[in-house]
Amino acid sequence: MLVDSNLPILVVDDYHTMVRIIRHLLQQIGFENVDDAYNGEAALAKIKEKRYGLIISDWNMEPMTGYQLLQKVREDKECANIPFIMVTAESKTDNVIAARNAGVSHYIVKPFNASTLKAKIDAVFAPVAA
Protein backbone atom coordinates (compact mmCIF):
# COMPACT_ATOMS: atom_id res chain seq x y z
CA MET A 1 0.00 0.00 0.00
CA LEU A 2 1.21 3.48 -0.79
CA VAL A 3 0.96 5.90 2.12
CA ASP A 4 0.98 9.63 1.32
CA SER A 5 4.59 10.78 1.73
CA ASN A 6 3.29 14.16 2.97
CA LEU A 7 1.59 12.46 5.92
CA PRO A 8 2.36 14.54 9.04
CA ILE A 9 4.15 12.28 11.53
CA LEU A 10 4.99 12.96 15.18
CA VAL A 11 7.97 11.06 16.65
CA VAL A 12 8.05 10.97 20.46
CA ASP A 13 11.10 9.78 22.37
CA ASP A 14 13.03 11.23 25.30
CA TYR A 15 16.28 9.95 23.82
CA HIS A 16 17.35 12.57 21.25
CA THR A 17 19.51 10.12 19.31
CA MET A 18 16.55 7.78 18.82
CA VAL A 19 14.44 10.66 17.50
CA ARG A 20 17.16 11.40 14.94
CA ILE A 21 17.39 7.71 13.98
CA ILE A 22 13.63 7.37 13.47
CA ARG A 23 13.51 10.67 11.56
CA HIS A 24 16.32 9.40 9.29
CA LEU A 25 14.56 6.05 8.73
CA LEU A 26 11.35 7.89 7.85
CA GLN A 27 13.27 10.03 5.35
CA GLN A 28 14.78 6.88 3.82
CA ILE A 29 11.28 5.56 3.11
CA GLY A 30 10.05 8.91 1.75
CA PHE A 31 8.49 10.79 4.67
CA GLU A 32 9.63 14.39 5.12
CA ASN A 33 6.79 15.95 7.15
CA VAL A 34 8.12 14.81 10.55
CA ASP A 35 7.90 16.64 13.86
CA ASP A 36 9.29 15.48 17.17
CA ALA A 37 8.61 15.75 20.87
CA TYR A 38 10.93 14.69 23.67
CA ASN A 39 8.25 13.65 26.16
CA GLY A 40 4.57 12.81 26.36
CA GLU A 41 3.48 16.21 27.62
CA ALA A 42 5.24 17.99 24.75
CA ALA A 43 3.65 15.49 22.36
CA LEU A 44 0.16 16.24 23.68
CA ALA A 45 0.76 19.98 23.21
CA LYS A 46 1.84 19.41 19.59
CA ILE A 47 -1.14 17.12 18.93
CA LYS A 48 -3.45 19.95 20.08
CA GLU A 49 -1.74 22.36 17.65
CA LYS A 50 -1.47 20.18 14.53
CA ARG A 51 -3.39 17.30 13.03
CA TYR A 52 -1.02 14.34 12.69
CA GLY A 53 -1.62 11.34 10.49
CA LEU A 54 0.64 9.08 12.54
CA ILE A 55 2.28 9.05 15.97
CA ILE A 56 5.40 6.95 16.59
CA SER A 57 6.24 6.87 20.29
CA ASP A 58 8.75 5.18 22.56
CA TRP A 59 7.28 3.24 25.50
CA ASN A 60 9.92 4.08 28.12
CA MET A 61 9.88 7.82 28.74
CA GLU A 62 9.69 10.09 31.75
CA PRO A 63 7.66 11.66 33.25
CA MET A 64 4.87 10.31 30.98
CA THR A 65 5.40 6.91 29.37
CA GLY A 66 4.46 6.16 25.79
CA TYR A 67 1.74 3.90 27.17
CA GLN A 68 0.28 6.81 29.16
CA LEU A 69 0.53 9.01 26.06
CA LEU A 70 -1.35 6.37 24.06
CA GLN A 71 -4.09 6.28 26.71
CA LYS A 72 -4.45 10.08 26.66
CA VAL A 73 -4.55 10.17 22.86
CA ARG A 74 -7.23 7.47 22.76
CA GLU A 75 -9.30 9.25 25.46
CA ASP A 76 -9.40 12.52 23.48
CA LYS A 77 -12.15 12.41 20.86
CA GLU A 78 -10.27 14.98 18.72
CA CYS A 79 -7.28 12.69 18.20
CA ALA A 80 -8.51 9.23 19.23
CA ASN A 81 -8.32 7.87 15.69
CA ILE A 82 -4.72 8.87 14.93
CA PRO A 83 -2.72 5.73 14.11
CA PHE A 84 -0.18 5.09 16.89
CA ILE A 85 2.92 2.92 16.61
CA MET A 86 4.64 2.02 19.89
CA VAL A 87 8.41 1.53 19.87
CA THR A 88 10.19 -0.28 22.68
CA ALA A 89 13.34 -2.19 23.52
CA GLU A 90 11.25 -4.70 25.46
CA SER A 91 9.11 -7.39 23.88
CA LYS A 92 7.33 -8.37 27.09
CA THR A 93 4.05 -10.08 26.31
CA ASP A 94 2.31 -8.09 29.07
CA ASN A 95 3.39 -4.80 27.47
CA VAL A 96 2.23 -5.88 24.02
CA ILE A 97 -1.15 -6.95 25.43
CA ALA A 98 -1.52 -3.73 27.45
CA ALA A 99 -0.70 -1.63 24.37
CA ARG A 100 -3.17 -3.59 22.23
CA ASN A 101 -5.88 -3.16 24.86
CA ALA A 102 -5.17 0.57 24.99
CA GLY A 103 -5.64 0.85 21.22
CA VAL A 104 -2.13 0.81 19.78
CA SER A 105 -2.11 0.45 15.99
CA HIS A 106 1.18 -1.46 15.84
CA TYR A 107 4.23 -2.30 17.91
CA ILE A 108 7.95 -2.25 16.96
CA VAL A 109 10.74 -3.77 19.03
CA LYS A 110 14.16 -2.07 18.85
CA PRO A 111 16.42 -2.35 17.00
CA PHE A 112 14.67 -2.01 13.66
CA ASN A 113 15.49 -0.78 10.19
CA ALA A 114 13.77 1.23 7.48
CA SER A 115 12.12 -1.79 5.86
CA THR A 116 10.65 -2.91 9.21
CA LEU A 117 9.35 0.61 9.87
CA LYS A 118 7.87 0.81 6.37
CA ALA A 119 6.17 -2.58 6.81
CA LYS A 120 4.60 -1.46 10.11
CA ILE A 121 3.41 1.84 8.62
CA ASP A 122 1.99 0.02 5.59
CA ALA A 123 0.22 -2.44 7.92
CA VAL A 124 -1.31 0.41 9.91
CA PHE A 125 -2.77 1.96 6.77
CA ALA A 126 -3.74 -1.27 5.01
CA PRO A 127 -7.45 -1.47 4.24
CA VAL A 128 -9.36 -3.74 6.58
CA ALA A 129 -10.62 -6.86 4.82
CA ALA A 130 -14.39 -7.17 4.82
C-alpha atoms as a PDB file:
ATOM      1  CA  MET A   1       0.000   0.000   0.000  1.00  0.00           C
ATOM      2  CA  LEU A   2       1.214   3.480  -0.790  1.00  0.00           C
ATOM      3  CA  VAL A   3       0.964   5.896   2.118  1.00  0.00           C
ATOM      4  CA  ASP A   4       0.985   9.627   1.318  1.00  0.00           C
ATOM      5  CA  SER A   5       4.592  10.784   1.735  1.00  0.00           C
ATOM      6  CA  ASN A   6       3.287  14.158   2.967  1.00  0.00           C
ATOM      7  CA  LEU A   7       1.590  12.464   5.920  1.00  0.00           C
ATOM      8  CA  PRO A   8       2.362  14.540   9.043  1.00  0.00           C
ATOM      9  CA  ILE A   9       4.145  12.280  11.532  1.00  0.00           C
ATOM     10  CA  LEU A  10       4.991  12.959  15.181  1.00  0.00           C
ATOM     11  CA  VAL A  11       7.967  11.064  16.648  1.00  0.00           C
ATOM     12  CA  VAL A  12       8.046  10.969  20.458  1.00  0.00           C
ATOM     13  CA  ASP A  13      11.102   9.777  22.367  1.00  0.00           C
ATOM     14  CA  ASP A  14      13.027  11.226  25.295  1.00  0.00           C
ATOM     15  CA  TYR A  15      16.283   9.949  23.816  1.00  0.00           C
ATOM     16  CA  HIS A  16      17.347  12.573  21.246  1.00  0.00           C
ATOM     17  CA  THR A  17      19.514  10.124  19.309  1.00  0.00           C
ATOM     18  CA  MET A  18      16.550   7.779  18.816  1.00  0.00           C
ATOM     19  CA  VAL A  19      14.440  10.659  17.502  1.00  0.00           C
ATOM     20  CA  ARG A  20      17.162  11.402  14.942  1.00  0.00           C
ATOM     21  CA  ILE A  21      17.395   7.713  13.981  1.00  0.00           C
ATOM     22  CA  ILE A  22      13.629   7.367  13.466  1.00  0.00           C
ATOM     23  CA  ARG A  23      13.506  10.668  11.556  1.00  0.00           C
ATOM     24  CA  HIS A  24      16.316   9.404   9.289  1.00  0.00           C
ATOM     25  CA  LEU A  25      14.560   6.054   8.735  1.00  0.00           C
ATOM     26  CA  LEU A  26      11.348   7.891   7.851  1.00  0.00           C
ATOM     27  CA  GLN A  27      13.269  10.033   5.352  1.00  0.00           C
ATOM     28  CA  GLN A  28      14.779   6.875   3.821  1.00  0.00           C
ATOM     29  CA  ILE A  29      11.282   5.561   3.107  1.00  0.00           C
ATOM     30  CA  GLY A  30      10.049   8.908   1.754  1.00  0.00           C
ATOM     31  CA  PHE A  31       8.486  10.791   4.672  1.00  0.00           C
ATOM     32  CA  GLU A  32       9.627  14.391   5.124  1.00  0.00           C
ATOM     33  CA  ASN A  33       6.789  15.950   7.153  1.00  0.00           C
ATOM     34  CA  VAL A  34       8.124  14.811  10.546  1.00  0.00           C
ATOM     35  CA  ASP A  35       7.897  16.644  13.861  1.00  0.00           C
ATOM     36  CA  ASP A  36       9.291  15.478  17.166  1.00  0.00           C
ATOM     37  CA  ALA A  37       8.608  15.753  20.873  1.00  0.00           C
ATOM     38  CA  TYR A  38      10.928  14.695  23.667  1.00  0.00           C
ATOM     39  CA  ASN A  39       8.254  13.654  26.160  1.00  0.00           C
ATOM     40  CA  GLY A  40       4.572  12.809  26.360  1.00  0.00           C
ATOM     41  CA  GLU A  41       3.484  16.214  27.619  1.00  0.00           C
ATOM     42  CA  ALA A  42       5.240  17.993  24.747  1.00  0.00           C
ATOM     43  CA  ALA A  43       3.649  15.493  22.357  1.00  0.00           C
ATOM     44  CA  LEU A  44       0.160  16.238  23.685  1.00  0.00           C
ATOM     45  CA  ALA A  45       0.755  19.975  23.212  1.00  0.00           C
ATOM     46  CA  LYS A  46       1.841  19.409  19.591  1.00  0.00           C
ATOM     47  CA  ILE A  47      -1.138  17.123  18.931  1.00  0.00           C
ATOM     48  CA  LYS A  48      -3.449  19.946  20.076  1.00  0.00           C
ATOM     49  CA  GLU A  49      -1.737  22.364  17.646  1.00  0.00           C
ATOM     50  CA  LYS A  50      -1.471  20.180  14.534  1.00  0.00           C
ATOM     51  CA  ARG A  51      -3.394  17.297  13.034  1.00  0.00           C
ATOM     52  CA  TYR A  52      -1.020  14.342  12.693  1.00  0.00           C
ATOM     53  CA  GLY A  53      -1.621  11.345  10.490  1.00  0.00           C
ATOM     54  CA  LEU A  54       0.644   9.076  12.539  1.00  0.00           C
ATOM     55  CA  ILE A  55       2.283   9.047  15.975  1.00  0.00           C
ATOM     56  CA  ILE A  56       5.402   6.950  16.590  1.00  0.00           C
ATOM     57  CA  SER A  57       6.244   6.871  20.292  1.00  0.00           C
ATOM     58  CA  ASP A  58       8.746   5.177  22.556  1.00  0.00           C
ATOM     59  CA  TRP A  59       7.280   3.241  25.496  1.00  0.00           C
ATOM     60  CA  ASN A  60       9.918   4.079  28.118  1.00  0.00           C
ATOM     61  CA  MET A  61       9.884   7.822  28.741  1.00  0.00           C
ATOM     62  CA  GLU A  62       9.692  10.092  31.749  1.00  0.00           C
ATOM     63  CA  PRO A  63       7.656  11.664  33.247  1.00  0.00           C
ATOM     64  CA  MET A  64       4.872  10.309  30.981  1.00  0.00           C
ATOM     65  CA  THR A  65       5.399   6.908  29.366  1.00  0.00           C
ATOM     66  CA  GLY A  66       4.455   6.164  25.787  1.00  0.00           C
ATOM     67  CA  TYR A  67       1.743   3.900  27.169  1.00  0.00           C
ATOM     68  CA  GLN A  68       0.275   6.811  29.156  1.00  0.00           C
ATOM     69  CA  LEU A  69       0.532   9.012  26.060  1.00  0.00           C
ATOM     70  CA  LEU A  70      -1.345   6.366  24.062  1.00  0.00           C
ATOM     71  CA  GLN A  71      -4.086   6.277  26.706  1.00  0.00           C
ATOM     72  CA  LYS A  72      -4.447  10.079  26.664  1.00  0.00           C
ATOM     73  CA  VAL A  73      -4.554  10.168  22.862  1.00  0.00           C
ATOM     74  CA  ARG A  74      -7.232   7.466  22.761  1.00  0.00           C
ATOM     75  CA  GLU A  75      -9.302   9.252  25.457  1.00  0.00           C
ATOM     76  CA  ASP A  76      -9.397  12.522  23.480  1.00  0.00           C
ATOM     77  CA  LYS A  77     -12.150  12.414  20.857  1.00  0.00           C
ATOM     78  CA  GLU A  78     -10.270  14.980  18.723  1.00  0.00           C
ATOM     79  CA  CYS A  79      -7.276  12.687  18.202  1.00  0.00           C
ATOM     80  CA  ALA A  80      -8.512   9.231  19.228  1.00  0.00           C
ATOM     81  CA  ASN A  81      -8.319   7.865  15.685  1.00  0.00           C
ATOM     82  CA  ILE A  82      -4.722   8.865  14.929  1.00  0.00           C
ATOM     83  CA  PRO A  83      -2.725   5.725  14.109  1.00  0.00           C
ATOM     84  CA  PHE A  84      -0.185   5.094  16.890  1.00  0.00           C
ATOM     85  CA  ILE A  85       2.916   2.915  16.610  1.00  0.00           C
ATOM     86  CA  MET A  86       4.643   2.019  19.885  1.00  0.00           C
ATOM     87  CA  VAL A  87       8.405   1.534  19.870  1.00  0.00           C
ATOM     88  CA  THR A  88      10.186  -0.278  22.683  1.00  0.00           C
ATOM     89  CA  ALA A  89      13.338  -2.192  23.517  1.00  0.00           C
ATOM     90  CA  GLU A  90      11.248  -4.704  25.457  1.00  0.00           C
ATOM     91  CA  SER A  91       9.109  -7.394  23.878  1.00  0.00           C
ATOM     92  CA  LYS A  92       7.330  -8.374  27.089  1.00  0.00           C
ATOM     93  CA  THR A  93       4.049 -10.079  26.309  1.00  0.00           C
ATOM     94  CA  ASP A  94       2.314  -8.093  29.070  1.00  0.00           C
ATOM     95  CA  ASN A  95       3.393  -4.801  27.466  1.00  0.00           C
ATOM     96  CA  VAL A  96       2.226  -5.882  24.025  1.00  0.00           C
ATOM     97  CA  ILE A  97      -1.152  -6.950  25.434  1.00  0.00           C
ATOM     98  CA  ALA A  98      -1.521  -3.726  27.449  1.00  0.00           C
ATOM     99  CA  ALA A  99      -0.701  -1.627  24.372  1.00  0.00           C
ATOM    100  CA  ARG A 100      -3.172  -3.588  22.226  1.00  0.00           C
ATOM    101  CA  ASN A 101      -5.881  -3.162  24.863  1.00  0.00           C
ATOM    102  CA  ALA A 102      -5.172   0.574  24.990  1.00  0.00           C
ATOM    103  CA  GLY A 103      -5.644   0.850  21.222  1.00  0.00           C
ATOM    104  CA  VAL A 104      -2.131   0.813  19.777  1.00  0.00           C
ATOM    105  CA  SER A 105      -2.112   0.446  15.990  1.00  0.00           C
ATOM    106  CA  HIS A 106       1.175  -1.460  15.841  1.00  0.00           C
ATOM    107  CA  TYR A 107       4.227  -2.302  17.910  1.00  0.00           C
ATOM    108  CA  ILE A 108       7.945  -2.251  16.956  1.00  0.00           C
ATOM    109  CA  VAL A 109      10.739  -3.771  19.028  1.00  0.00           C
ATOM    110  CA  LYS A 110      14.161  -2.072  18.847  1.00  0.00           C
ATOM    111  CA  PRO A 111      16.420  -2.351  17.004  1.00  0.00           C
ATOM    112  CA  PHE A 112      14.667  -2.013  13.665  1.00  0.00           C
ATOM    113  CA  ASN A 113      15.493  -0.784  10.190  1.00  0.00           C
ATOM    114  CA  ALA A 114      13.770   1.233   7.476  1.00  0.00           C
ATOM    115  CA  SER A 115      12.124  -1.787   5.864  1.00  0.00           C
ATOM    116  CA  THR A 116      10.647  -2.906   9.205  1.00  0.00           C
ATOM    117  CA  LEU A 117       9.353   0.610   9.872  1.00  0.00           C
ATOM    118  CA  LYS A 118       7.865   0.815   6.374  1.00  0.00           C
ATOM    119  CA  ALA A 119       6.173  -2.582   6.807  1.00  0.00           C
ATOM    120  CA  LYS A 120       4.605  -1.462  10.111  1.00  0.00           C
ATOM    121  CA  ILE A 121       3.412   1.838   8.620  1.00  0.00           C
ATOM    122  CA  ASP A 122       1.987   0.016   5.591  1.00  0.00           C
ATOM    123  CA  ALA A 123       0.216  -2.443   7.917  1.00  0.00           C
ATOM    124  CA  VAL A 124      -1.311   0.410   9.912  1.00  0.00           C
ATOM    125  CA  PHE A 125      -2.770   1.960   6.769  1.00  0.00           C
ATOM    126  CA  ALA A 126      -3.737  -1.272   5.010  1.00  0.00           C
ATOM    127  CA  PRO A 127      -7.448  -1.469   4.240  1.00  0.00           C
ATOM    128  CA  VAL A 128      -9.357  -3.741   6.585  1.00  0.00           C
ATOM    129  CA  ALA A 129     -10.617  -6.858   4.818  1.00  0.00           C
ATOM    130  CA  ALA A 130     -14.386  -7.168   4.822  1.00  0.00           C
END
